[in-house]
């Protein structure tokens, strides 16, 4: 989820043109209005790899079943009820599959995050193209799409047990991205979210309940406040939070500093944004925010086979200057952000938004939180050509499982090294 300067060359730059594969979708009833066309992101569904991923996980029936159910609703209220229920059901089905509950649905490994991504896109496309027999305004359709997105990403199902018997940790992940470079791509942060949602881990400080959510790789959703809307109710209640995304090859990074800058790289709809991160109350917006995760303890611990680094680098325009400068040890006073440690893409932005929200809620001195970059999820040797390669292989699965396990271990170390709410986090 980094900017191009952080992302590795093996992925390449995503093509900036949309796909032109034919699009089909189920419809029902007499159209009350012409529905919007599918997005660039949705049009990728017709490629061979997504179809194979859906078939080999048993998720290929999700969108057609949803379309049939849409055809049976008789009012907007019924449509909303269906969308909420089916979105939540998809999220739970993906979590259950990842955690070994219920049928696997095929031979694709259970740890795979891609069935959720492609099945959700199929449902979204069906809803976008749906032609009901009753009037649905553009505003209503947008509201239905929003409900489907939020419920199918775990954003509305975050639940912690009452009382203080368990510590509370909140973790976020992302969808796959750079899909025009390699449409087979999986995102280990999304896979981690599925594997850890609702689980309890044992630490030296006791049992910890982890709740998770996944976010889209789209600038517009972040502009519209999806991060703040999802996290605001829970940050005052949790003991630690970590936004997680895919970063560099062969290493984890705890990102020390986050910057208020979008670098313009194209998102999953091939749309770029180059600007200051748009937030509410921009007059009080800082150029930089900082992690309160216990980075020294995390880096020093033996959490898994990948090395973990305390990344202090940023790119800034120094006070009084005009050109960007890379600083190895963080920003200088009065500088303007051009990239945080996590780059200038959406991983940096979710880290910036989450830590800014933490600070604006008055939790900066008591709530450990920040961003963790995972290693890039690589296919095995000989399976690197998107045109001819397989959608999975043993090394690909091993790498993803090891990344998931190491994130779990990092969270345990972070909890043990932190005071949690009411006690200063040990970030020294």
Protein backbone atom coordinates (compact mmCIF):
# COMPACT_ATOMS: atom_id res chain seq x y z
CA UNK A 1 0.00 0.00 0.00
CA UNK A 2 2.97 2.29 -0.44
CA UNK A 3 3.76 5.08 -2.82
CA UNK A 4 5.69 4.09 -5.98
CA UNK A 5 9.00 5.01 -4.31
CA UNK A 6 8.34 2.34 -1.66
CA UNK A 7 6.63 -0.30 -3.78
CA UNK A 8 8.93 -2.92 -5.30
CA UNK A 9 9.68 -3.25 -9.00
CA UNK A 10 8.30 -6.78 -9.35
CA UNK A 11 4.77 -5.46 -9.24
CA UNK A 12 5.45 -2.75 -11.80
CA UNK A 13 3.35 0.34 -12.27
CA UNK A 14 -0.34 -0.26 -12.72
CA UNK A 15 -1.63 0.59 -16.17
CA UNK A 16 -3.68 3.73 -16.17
CA UNK A 17 -6.24 2.59 -18.72
CA UNK A 18 -9.41 0.72 -17.78
CA UNK A 19 -10.18 -2.77 -19.02
CA UNK A 20 -12.61 -3.25 -21.86
CA UNK A 21 -13.85 -6.78 -21.24
CA UNK A 22 -17.57 -7.31 -21.83
CA UNK A 23 -19.78 -6.79 -18.81
CA UNK A 24 -22.89 -8.71 -17.90
CA UNK A 25 -25.10 -8.48 -14.86
CA UNK A 26 -28.42 -9.87 -13.79
CA UNK A 27 -31.37 -7.52 -13.70
CA UNK A 28 -34.95 -7.73 -12.58
CA UNK A 29 -38.12 -5.77 -13.08
CA UNK A 30 -38.72 -2.68 -15.19
CA UNK A 31 -35.97 -0.06 -14.92
CA UNK A 32 -36.99 3.12 -13.18
CA UNK A 33 -33.81 4.84 -14.34
CA UNK A 34 -30.65 3.99 -16.23
CA UNK A 35 -28.16 2.55 -13.73
CA UNK A 36 -24.54 3.68 -13.68
CA UNK A 37 -21.98 1.74 -15.68
CA UNK A 38 -19.56 -0.55 -13.84
CA UNK A 39 -16.36 1.04 -12.61
CA UNK A 40 -12.85 0.22 -13.80
CA UNK A 41 -12.42 -1.89 -10.69
CA UNK A 42 -15.62 -3.84 -11.34
CA UNK A 43 -14.75 -4.51 -14.99
CA UNK A 44 -11.76 -6.58 -13.94
CA UNK A 45 -14.20 -9.25 -12.76
CA UNK A 46 -14.45 -10.65 -16.27
CA UNK A 47 -10.78 -11.63 -16.44
CA UNK A 48 -9.83 -15.29 -16.11
CA UNK A 49 -7.95 -15.08 -12.79
CA UNK A 50 -10.82 -13.59 -10.74
CA UNK A 51 -13.21 -16.15 -12.17
CA UNK A 52 -10.83 -18.94 -11.20
CA UNK A 53 -10.31 -17.56 -7.69
CA UNK A 54 -14.07 -17.38 -7.16
CA UNK A 55 -14.66 -20.86 -8.55
CA UNK A 56 -11.89 -22.49 -6.52
CA UNK A 57 -13.21 -20.99 -3.28
CA UNK A 58 -16.91 -21.59 -3.83
CA UNK A 59 -17.56 -17.84 -3.88
CA UNK A 60 -18.56 -17.82 -7.54
CA UNK A 61 -22.25 -18.20 -6.64
CA UNK A 62 -22.31 -15.17 -4.32
CA UNK A 63 -23.03 -12.41 -6.84
CA UNK A 64 -25.58 -14.38 -8.92
CA UNK A 65 -27.49 -15.33 -5.76
CA UNK A 66 -27.44 -11.71 -4.63
CA UNK A 67 -28.77 -10.58 -8.02
CA UNK A 68 -31.65 -13.06 -7.79
CA UNK A 69 -32.50 -11.85 -4.30
CA UNK A 70 -32.46 -8.23 -5.49
CA UNK A 71 -34.95 -9.20 -8.17
CA UNK A 72 -37.43 -10.25 -5.49
CA UNK A 73 -37.52 -7.08 -3.41
CA UNK A 74 -40.52 -4.79 -3.72
CA UNK A 75 -39.36 -1.59 -2.05
CA UNK A 76 -36.31 0.44 -1.15
CA UNK A 77 -36.69 -0.59 2.50
CA UNK A 78 -36.60 -4.26 1.51
CA UNK A 79 -33.59 -3.63 -0.70
CA UNK A 80 -31.71 -1.96 2.14
CA UNK A 81 -32.50 -4.80 4.53
CA UNK A 82 -31.25 -7.31 1.96
CA UNK A 83 -28.06 -5.37 1.21
CA UNK A 84 -27.13 -5.03 4.89
CA UNK A 85 -27.79 -8.72 5.59
CA UNK A 86 -25.98 -10.03 2.52
CA UNK A 87 -22.99 -7.74 3.01
CA UNK A 88 -22.58 -8.85 6.62
CA UNK A 89 -23.06 -12.48 5.57
CA UNK A 90 -20.27 -12.22 2.99
CA UNK A 91 -17.84 -10.82 5.56
CA UNK A 92 -18.69 -13.55 8.06
CA UNK A 93 -18.41 -16.24 5.42
CA UNK A 94 -14.93 -15.01 4.48
CA UNK A 95 -13.87 -14.86 8.14
CA UNK A 96 -15.22 -18.35 8.79
CA UNK A 97 -13.41 -19.73 5.76
CA UNK A 98 -10.14 -18.11 6.79
CA UNK A 99 -10.45 -19.46 10.33
CA UNK A 100 -11.32 -23.00 9.31
CA UNK A 101 -15.05 -23.01 10.00
CA UNK A 102 -17.44 -24.53 7.50
CA UNK A 103 -16.62 -25.90 4.04
CA UNK A 104 -13.61 -24.58 2.15
CA UNK A 105 -15.72 -24.51 -1.02
CA UNK A 106 -12.79 -25.55 -3.20
CA UNK A 107 -9.06 -26.19 -3.26
CA UNK A 108 -7.94 -22.58 -2.83
CA UNK A 109 -6.20 -22.20 0.54
CA UNK A 110 -8.38 -20.91 3.35
CA UNK A 111 -6.03 -18.06 4.22
CA UNK A 112 -6.73 -16.36 0.86
CA UNK A 113 -8.28 -12.88 1.00
CA UNK A 114 -9.09 -12.69 -2.70
CA UNK A 115 -12.45 -14.56 -2.69
CA UNK A 116 -13.87 -11.83 -0.43
CA UNK A 117 -12.54 -9.06 -2.65
CA UNK A 118 -13.82 -10.45 -5.93
CA UNK A 119 -17.16 -11.65 -4.53
CA UNK A 120 -17.78 -8.22 -3.03
CA UNK A 121 -17.00 -6.57 -6.35
CA UNK A 122 -19.46 -8.90 -8.04
CA UNK A 123 -22.18 -7.93 -5.59
CA UNK A 124 -21.38 -4.24 -5.97
CA UNK A 125 -21.57 -4.52 -9.73
CA UNK A 126 -24.93 -6.29 -9.54
CA UNK A 127 -26.26 -3.56 -7.26
CA UNK A 128 -24.91 -0.80 -9.49
CA UNK A 129 -26.58 -2.32 -12.57
CA UNK A 130 -29.79 -3.40 -10.80
CA UNK A 131 -32.97 -2.20 -12.51
CA UNK A 132 -35.78 -2.40 -9.92
CA UNK A 133 -39.47 -2.23 -10.71
CA UNK A 134 -39.80 0.76 -8.37
CA UNK A 135 -38.13 4.14 -8.31
CA UNK A 136 -34.66 4.26 -6.80
CA UNK A 137 -32.94 7.62 -6.83
CA UNK A 138 -29.23 8.11 -7.37
CA UNK A 139 -28.89 9.06 -3.71
CA UNK A 140 -30.68 5.90 -2.60
CA UNK A 141 -28.56 3.68 -4.82
CA UNK A 142 -25.41 5.32 -3.48
CA UNK A 143 -26.63 4.66 0.07
CA UNK A 144 -27.22 0.99 -0.77
CA UNK A 145 -23.74 0.70 -2.27
CA UNK A 146 -22.29 2.27 0.86
CA UNK A 147 -24.14 -0.20 3.09
CA UNK A 148 -22.89 -3.10 1.02
CA UNK A 149 -19.30 -1.88 1.17
CA UNK A 150 -19.27 -1.23 4.90
CA UNK A 151 -21.03 -4.42 5.95
CA UNK A 152 -18.95 -6.67 3.69
CA UNK A 153 -15.71 -5.17 5.07
CA UNK A 154 -16.34 -5.86 8.75
CA UNK A 155 -16.66 -2.15 9.44
CA UNK A 156 -20.08 -2.53 11.08
CA UNK A 157 -19.45 -5.76 13.01
CA UNK A 158 -16.71 -4.68 15.41
CA UNK A 159 -17.78 -6.04 18.82
CA UNK A 160 -15.86 -6.32 22.07
CA UNK A 161 -17.08 -8.20 25.15
CA UNK A 162 -18.27 -6.07 28.04
CA UNK A 163 -15.91 -5.56 30.96
CA UNK A 164 -12.14 -5.47 31.24
CA UNK A 165 -11.38 -9.19 31.32
CA UNK A 166 -9.85 -8.99 27.86
CA UNK A 167 -7.66 -6.29 26.37
CA UNK A 168 -9.00 -4.87 23.11
CA UNK A 169 -7.06 -4.49 19.88
CA UNK A 170 -8.32 -3.06 16.59
CA UNK A 171 -6.58 -3.98 13.32
CA UNK A 172 -7.27 -2.82 9.76
CA UNK A 173 -6.23 -4.25 6.38
CA UNK A 174 -6.65 -3.44 2.70
CA UNK A 175 -7.97 -4.91 -0.53
CA UNK A 176 -5.56 -6.17 -3.20
CA UNK A 177 -4.18 -3.39 -5.42
CA UNK A 178 -2.02 -2.75 -8.53
CA UNK A 179 -4.27 -5.29 -10.23
CA UNK A 180 -3.47 -4.08 -13.74
CA UNK A 181 0.14 -5.09 -13.13
CA UNK A 182 -0.87 -8.54 -11.87
CA UNK A 183 -4.55 -9.35 -11.43
CA UNK A 184 -3.65 -12.40 -9.31
CA UNK A 185 -2.40 -10.22 -6.46
CA UNK A 186 -3.44 -10.91 -2.86
CA UNK A 187 -2.96 -8.45 0.01
CA UNK A 188 -1.54 -10.03 3.18
CA UNK A 189 -3.03 -7.25 5.30
CA UNK A 190 -6.52 -8.20 4.16
CA UNK A 191 -5.75 -11.87 4.74
CA UNK A 192 -4.52 -10.98 8.23
CA UNK A 193 -7.76 -9.14 8.98
CA UNK A 194 -9.80 -12.22 8.03
CA UNK A 195 -7.57 -14.58 10.00
CA UNK A 196 -7.62 -12.48 13.19
CA UNK A 197 -11.15 -11.07 13.32
CA UNK A 198 -12.86 -12.01 16.57
CA UNK A 199 -9.91 -14.10 17.77
CA UNK A 200 -8.34 -14.12 21.23
CA UNK A 201 -4.57 -14.32 21.72
CA UNK A 202 -2.66 -15.00 24.94
CA UNK A 203 -0.03 -12.49 26.05
CA UNK A 204 2.00 -11.90 29.19
CA UNK A 205 -0.55 -9.25 30.14
CA UNK A 206 -3.48 -11.59 29.65
CA UNK A 207 -5.95 -12.43 26.93
CA UNK A 208 -6.48 -10.04 24.01
CA UNK A 209 -9.53 -9.81 21.76
CA UNK A 210 -8.79 -8.67 18.20
CA UNK A 211 -11.40 -7.09 15.95
CA UNK A 212 -10.67 -6.16 12.35
CA UNK A 213 -11.95 -4.34 9.28
CA UNK A 214 -10.79 -3.99 5.68
CA UNK A 215 -10.61 -0.80 3.61
CA UNK A 216 -10.79 -0.15 -0.14
CA UNK A 217 -7.86 1.09 -2.20
CA UNK A 218 -9.70 4.15 -3.48
CA UNK A 219 -8.91 7.79 -2.80
CA UNK A 220 -12.56 8.89 -2.86
CA UNK A 221 -13.56 6.65 0.03
CA UNK A 222 -10.83 8.17 2.18
CA UNK A 223 -11.86 11.69 1.14
CA UNK A 224 -15.41 10.84 2.20
CA UNK A 225 -14.22 9.89 5.69
CA UNK A 226 -14.49 6.10 5.69
CA UNK A 227 -11.53 5.75 8.07
CA UNK A 228 -12.80 8.22 10.63
CA UNK A 229 -16.38 6.93 10.46
CA UNK A 230 -15.22 3.39 11.11
CA UNK A 231 -12.62 4.02 13.80
CA UNK A 232 -14.09 6.93 15.78
CA UNK A 233 -16.53 4.87 17.90
CA UNK A 234 -13.84 2.38 18.94
CA UNK A 235 -10.59 4.25 19.56
CA UNK A 236 -11.74 5.51 22.98
CA UNK A 237 -12.48 1.90 23.99
CA UNK A 238 -9.51 -0.09 22.69
CA UNK A 239 -6.11 -0.70 24.29
CA UNK A 240 -4.17 -0.64 21.02
CA UNK A 241 -4.75 -0.23 17.30
CA UNK A 242 -2.68 -1.04 14.24
CA UNK A 243 -3.35 -0.13 10.64
CA UNK A 244 -1.66 -2.75 8.46
CA UNK A 245 -0.78 -2.82 4.78
CA UNK A 246 1.62 -4.45 2.32
CA UNK A 247 4.94 -2.65 2.02
CA UNK A 248 8.47 -3.70 1.09
CA UNK A 249 10.04 -6.95 -0.04
CA UNK A 250 11.21 -9.31 2.69
CA UNK A 251 10.65 -7.08 5.73
CA UNK A 252 8.19 -5.63 8.19
CA UNK A 253 8.31 -1.93 9.07
CA UNK A 254 6.85 -0.02 11.98
CA UNK A 255 6.33 3.41 10.43
CA UNK A 256 7.43 6.10 12.85
CA UNK A 257 5.97 9.17 11.08
CA UNK A 258 2.99 9.73 8.76
CA UNK A 259 2.67 12.64 6.35
CA UNK A 260 -0.28 14.78 5.21
CA UNK A 261 0.37 14.29 1.48
CA UNK A 262 -1.11 12.30 -1.39
CA UNK A 263 1.44 11.47 -4.08
CA UNK A 264 -0.92 10.83 -6.99
CA UNK A 265 -0.46 7.12 -7.67
CA UNK A 266 -3.53 5.52 -9.26
CA UNK A 267 -5.96 3.62 -7.04
CA UNK A 268 -8.04 0.57 -7.92
CA UNK A 269 -10.20 2.74 -10.19
CA UNK A 270 -7.02 4.12 -11.82
CA UNK A 271 -7.66 7.54 -10.32
CA UNK A 272 -4.80 9.52 -8.77
CA UNK A 273 -4.80 12.36 -6.27
CA UNK A 274 -1.93 14.78 -5.66
CA UNK A 275 -2.78 17.07 -2.76
CA UNK A 276 -2.72 17.57 0.96
CA UNK A 277 -4.71 14.83 2.70
CA UNK A 278 -8.22 16.33 3.00
CA UNK A 279 -9.56 16.25 6.56
CA UNK A 280 -12.12 18.13 8.60
CA UNK A 281 -10.90 21.33 10.27
CA UNK A 282 -7.90 21.75 7.94
CA UNK A 283 -6.84 24.90 9.80
CA UNK A 284 -5.62 22.72 12.67
CA UNK A 285 -4.23 19.95 10.46
CA UNK A 286 -0.62 18.99 11.23
CA UNK A 287 1.85 18.07 8.51
CA UNK A 288 2.99 15.04 10.48
CA UNK A 289 1.65 12.53 12.98
CA UNK A 290 3.61 9.90 14.90
CA UNK A 291 3.22 6.31 15.98
CA UNK A 292 2.61 5.48 19.63
CA UNK A 293 3.25 1.79 19.08
CA UNK A 294 6.17 0.44 21.18
CA UNK A 295 8.45 0.19 18.17
CA UNK A 296 11.66 -0.61 20.07
CA UNK A 297 10.07 -3.62 21.73
CA UNK A 298 8.54 -4.80 18.45
CA UNK A 299 11.83 -4.52 16.55
CA UNK A 300 13.79 -6.28 19.30
CA UNK A 301 11.39 -9.23 19.63
CA UNK A 302 11.64 -12.49 17.73
CA UNK A 303 8.24 -12.34 16.03
CA UNK A 304 8.88 -14.47 12.94
CA UNK A 305 11.12 -15.16 9.95
CA UNK A 306 10.94 -11.66 8.46
CA UNK A 307 13.09 -8.87 9.97
CA UNK A 308 11.23 -5.93 11.51
CA UNK A 309 12.51 -2.38 11.16
CA UNK A 310 11.83 0.92 12.90
CA UNK A 311 11.43 3.09 9.82
CA UNK A 312 12.16 6.75 10.53
CA UNK A 313 12.55 8.05 6.97
CA UNK A 314 10.31 10.78 5.52
CA UNK A 315 10.32 13.13 2.54
CA UNK A 316 9.75 16.80 3.30
CA UNK A 317 10.02 20.28 1.91
CA UNK A 318 12.10 22.02 4.60
CA UNK A 319 10.87 25.27 6.10
CA UNK A 320 11.71 28.02 3.62
CA UNK A 321 12.61 25.51 0.93
CA UNK A 322 11.00 24.60 -2.37
CA UNK A 323 12.28 21.10 -3.18
CA UNK A 324 11.55 17.75 -1.49
CA UNK A 325 14.34 16.30 0.64
CA UNK A 326 14.57 12.77 2.07
CA UNK A 327 15.26 12.78 5.80
CA UNK A 328 16.49 9.53 7.32
CA UNK A 329 15.60 10.50 10.87
CA UNK A 330 12.19 12.10 10.56
CA UNK A 331 10.92 15.57 9.68
CA UNK A 332 12.53 18.84 10.66
CA UNK A 333 10.70 21.71 12.35
CA UNK A 334 8.24 23.59 10.17
CA UNK A 335 8.59 21.31 7.16
CA UNK A 336 5.87 20.35 4.70
CA UNK A 337 5.10 16.67 4.17
CA UNK A 338 5.73 14.95 0.85
CA UNK A 339 5.88 11.34 2.14
CA UNK A 340 5.68 9.63 5.47
CA UNK A 341 7.70 6.56 6.34
CA UNK A 342 4.99 4.58 4.61
CA UNK A 343 5.17 6.63 1.43
CA UNK A 344 2.50 8.89 -0.07
CA UNK A 345 -0.19 6.35 -0.97
CA UNK A 346 -3.16 5.04 0.99
CA UNK A 347 -1.16 3.11 3.59
CA UNK A 348 0.43 6.36 4.68
CA UNK A 349 -2.98 8.01 4.55
CA UNK A 350 -4.77 5.48 6.75
CA UNK A 351 -1.92 5.75 9.24
CA UNK A 352 -2.12 9.55 9.13
CA UNK A 353 -5.89 9.62 9.51
CA UNK A 354 -6.01 7.05 12.31
CA UNK A 355 -3.27 8.72 14.36
CA UNK A 356 -4.69 12.20 13.73
CA UNK A 357 -8.06 10.92 14.93
CA UNK A 358 -6.34 9.46 18.00
CA UNK A 359 -4.79 12.84 18.75
CA UNK A 360 -7.95 14.83 18.10
CA UNK A 361 -9.83 12.54 20.49
CA UNK A 362 -7.26 13.41 23.15
CA UNK A 363 -5.81 9.89 23.24
CA UNK A 364 -2.31 10.59 21.96
CA UNK A 365 -0.67 10.19 25.37
CA UNK A 366 -2.51 7.02 26.36
CA UNK A 367 -3.42 4.97 23.29
CA UNK A 368 -0.73 2.95 21.49
CA UNK A 369 -1.41 3.01 17.78
CA UNK A 370 0.25 3.30 14.40
CA UNK A 371 1.08 1.59 11.15
CA UNK A 372 2.76 -1.73 10.37
CA UNK A 373 3.88 -2.61 6.86
CA UNK A 374 4.08 -6.30 5.99
CA UNK A 375 6.44 -7.84 3.44
CA UNK A 376 5.25 -7.96 -0.15
CA UNK A 377 3.43 -11.24 -0.78
CA UNK A 378 5.43 -13.02 -3.48
CA UNK A 379 4.60 -15.98 -5.69
CA UNK A 380 7.06 -18.85 -5.89
CA UNK A 381 9.96 -18.95 -8.32
CA UNK A 382 8.73 -19.70 -11.81
CA UNK A 383 5.27 -18.29 -11.12
CA UNK A 384 5.94 -14.60 -11.63
CA UNK A 385 4.37 -14.06 -15.06
CA UNK A 386 0.80 -12.76 -14.66
CA UNK A 387 -0.10 -13.92 -18.17
CA UNK A 388 0.93 -17.54 -17.76
CA UNK A 389 1.30 -18.12 -14.02
CA UNK A 390 -1.00 -19.86 -11.57
CA UNK A 391 -3.26 -17.93 -9.19
CA UNK A 392 -1.56 -19.71 -6.29
CA UNK A 393 1.39 -21.93 -5.39
CA UNK A 394 2.89 -23.47 -2.22
CA UNK A 395 5.43 -20.67 -1.66
CA UNK A 396 2.72 -18.03 -2.11
CA UNK A 397 0.58 -19.73 0.55
CA UNK A 398 3.55 -20.23 2.89
CA UNK A 399 4.53 -16.57 2.62
CA UNK A 400 1.00 -15.40 3.39
CA UNK A 401 0.61 -17.75 6.37
CA UNK A 402 3.97 -16.64 7.78
CA UNK A 403 3.04 -12.97 7.40
CA UNK A 404 -0.29 -13.53 9.17
CA UNK A 405 1.42 -15.38 12.01
CA UNK A 406 4.04 -12.67 12.39
CA UNK A 407 1.43 -9.88 12.54
CA UNK A 408 -0.30 -11.84 15.31
CA UNK A 409 3.01 -12.11 17.16
CA UNK A 410 3.79 -8.40 16.67
CA UNK A 411 0.42 -7.50 18.17
CA UNK A 412 1.14 -9.65 21.21
CA UNK A 413 4.50 -7.96 21.75
CA UNK A 414 2.91 -4.54 21.29
CA UNK A 415 0.26 -5.26 23.91
CA UNK A 416 2.81 -6.56 26.41
CA UNK A 417 5.04 -3.49 25.92
CA UNK A 418 2.19 -0.97 26.16
CA UNK A 419 0.19 0.34 29.06
CA UNK A 420 -3.06 0.59 27.10
CA UNK A 421 -5.80 3.12 27.86
CA UNK A 422 -5.07 5.08 31.00
CA UNK A 423 -1.31 4.35 30.99
CA UNK A 424 1.34 5.96 28.79
CA UNK A 425 2.47 3.74 25.94
CA UNK A 426 6.09 2.68 26.14
CA UNK A 427 7.32 3.96 22.80
CA UNK A 428 10.84 4.77 23.98
